Amino acid sequence: MVVEIDSHLHDVREQAVKDGASDSEADLTAWQKIGDEREILAEALSKPELKSFAWRHGDKINHA
């Protein structure tokens, strides 16, 4: 998930620079579009399917 957020942040920042924003403006624009880190984390933690490998792939775990 961190890689996805970082990749998306990079893409949004890169587009802002292409659109003429300075580096600092591009950073600000990217964070505004992505959202606050605390909000992203709170949203992710509210979804059990994002919390653990066991929850997402419990059917693949050998219970023998």
C-alpha atoms as a PDB file:
ATOM      1  CA  MET A   1       0.000   0.000   0.000  1.00  0.00           C
ATOM      2  CA  VAL A   2       2.832   2.379   0.803  1.00  0.00           C
ATOM      3  CA  VAL A   3       4.319   1.757  -2.633  1.00  0.00           C
ATOM      4  CA  GLU A   4       0.966   2.517  -4.283  1.00  0.00           C
ATOM      5  CA  ILE A   5       0.590   5.776  -2.384  1.00  0.00           C
ATOM      6  CA  ASP A   6       4.174   6.778  -3.145  1.00  0.00           C
ATOM      7  CA  SER A   7       3.704   5.957  -6.824  1.00  0.00           C
ATOM      8  CA  HIS A   8       0.471   7.938  -7.010  1.00  0.00           C
ATOM      9  CA  LEU A   9       2.045  10.859  -5.162  1.00  0.00           C
ATOM     10  CA  HIS A  10       4.951  10.826  -7.617  1.00  0.00           C
ATOM     11  CA  ASP A  11       2.576  10.767 -10.616  1.00  0.00           C
ATOM     12  CA  VAL A  12       0.481  13.664  -9.310  1.00  0.00           C
ATOM     13  CA  ARG A  13       3.611  15.672  -8.477  1.00  0.00           C
ATOM     14  CA  GLU A  14       5.121  14.974 -11.888  1.00  0.00           C
ATOM     15  CA  GLN A  15       1.950  16.140 -13.631  1.00  0.00           C
ATOM     16  CA  ALA A  16       1.904  19.337 -11.582  1.00  0.00           C
ATOM     17  CA  VAL A  17       5.476  20.099 -12.659  1.00  0.00           C
ATOM     18  CA  LYS A  18       4.537  19.435 -16.308  1.00  0.00           C
ATOM     19  CA  ASP A  19       1.656  21.872 -15.829  1.00  0.00           C
ATOM     20  CA  GLY A  20       4.134  24.556 -14.755  1.00  0.00           C
ATOM     21  CA  ALA A  21       4.218  24.265 -10.963  1.00  0.00           C
ATOM     22  CA  SER A  22       7.440  24.832  -9.063  1.00  0.00           C
ATOM     23  CA  ASP A  23       8.845  21.937  -7.032  1.00  0.00           C
ATOM     24  CA  SER A  24       7.339  23.229  -3.797  1.00  0.00           C
ATOM     25  CA  GLU A  25       3.991  23.945  -5.458  1.00  0.00           C
ATOM     26  CA  ALA A  26       4.003  20.468  -7.000  1.00  0.00           C
ATOM     27  CA  ASP A  27       4.650  18.891  -3.594  1.00  0.00           C
ATOM     28  CA  LEU A  28       1.797  20.832  -2.042  1.00  0.00           C
ATOM     29  CA  THR A  29      -0.559  20.006  -4.916  1.00  0.00           C
ATOM     30  CA  ALA A  30       0.269  16.309  -4.711  1.00  0.00           C
ATOM     31  CA  TRP A  31      -0.351  16.112  -0.961  1.00  0.00           C
ATOM     32  CA  GLN A  32      -3.590  18.061  -1.308  1.00  0.00           C
ATOM     33  CA  LYS A  33      -4.849  15.651  -3.966  1.00  0.00           C
ATOM     34  CA  ILE A  34      -3.688  12.508  -2.165  1.00  0.00           C
ATOM     35  CA  GLY A  35      -4.770  13.624   1.291  1.00  0.00           C
ATOM     36  CA  ASP A  36      -3.222  13.901   4.701  1.00  0.00           C
ATOM     37  CA  GLU A  37      -1.074  10.940   5.800  1.00  0.00           C
ATOM     38  CA  ARG A  38      -3.160  10.504   8.945  1.00  0.00           C
ATOM     39  CA  GLU A  39      -6.370  10.394   6.932  1.00  0.00           C
ATOM     40  CA  ILE A  40      -4.939   7.787   4.559  1.00  0.00           C
ATOM     41  CA  LEU A  41      -3.754   5.657   7.473  1.00  0.00           C
ATOM     42  CA  ALA A  42      -7.070   5.947   9.335  1.00  0.00           C
ATOM     43  CA  GLU A  43      -8.981   4.947   6.207  1.00  0.00           C
ATOM     44  CA  ALA A  44      -6.720   1.959   5.581  1.00  0.00           C
ATOM     45  CA  LEU A  45      -6.951   0.779   9.188  1.00  0.00           C
ATOM     46  CA  SER A  46     -10.738   0.972   9.076  1.00  0.00           C
ATOM     47  CA  LYS A  47     -10.726  -1.783   6.437  1.00  0.00           C
ATOM     48  CA  PRO A  48      -9.936  -5.225   7.832  1.00  0.00           C
ATOM     49  CA  GLU A  49      -8.994  -6.528   4.390  1.00  0.00           C
ATOM     50  CA  LEU A  50      -6.010  -4.155   4.399  1.00  0.00           C
ATOM     51  CA  LYS A  51      -4.800  -5.069   7.873  1.00  0.00           C
ATOM     52  CA  SER A  52      -3.240  -8.476   7.445  1.00  0.00           C
ATOM     53  CA  PHE A  53      -2.122 -11.104   5.017  1.00  0.00           C
ATOM     54  CA  ALA A  54      -4.008 -13.728   7.039  1.00  0.00           C
ATOM     55  CA  TRP A  55      -7.285 -11.854   6.661  1.00  0.00           C
ATOM     56  CA  ARG A  56      -6.821 -11.409   2.915  1.00  0.00           C
ATOM     57  CA  HIS A  57      -5.449 -14.874   2.199  1.00  0.00           C
ATOM     58  CA  GLY A  58      -6.738 -17.035   5.027  1.00  0.00           C
ATOM     59  CA  ASP A  59      -7.855 -19.692   2.562  1.00  0.00           C
ATOM     60  CA  LYS A  60      -4.205 -20.213   1.545  1.00  0.00           C
ATOM     61  CA  ILE A  61      -2.922 -20.847   5.060  1.00  0.00           C
ATOM     62  CA  ASN A  62      -2.355 -24.499   5.919  1.00  0.00           C
ATOM     63  CA  HIS A  63      -4.314 -25.230   9.106  1.00  0.00           C
ATOM     64  CA  ALA A  64      -2.984 -28.780   9.494  1.00  0.00           C
END
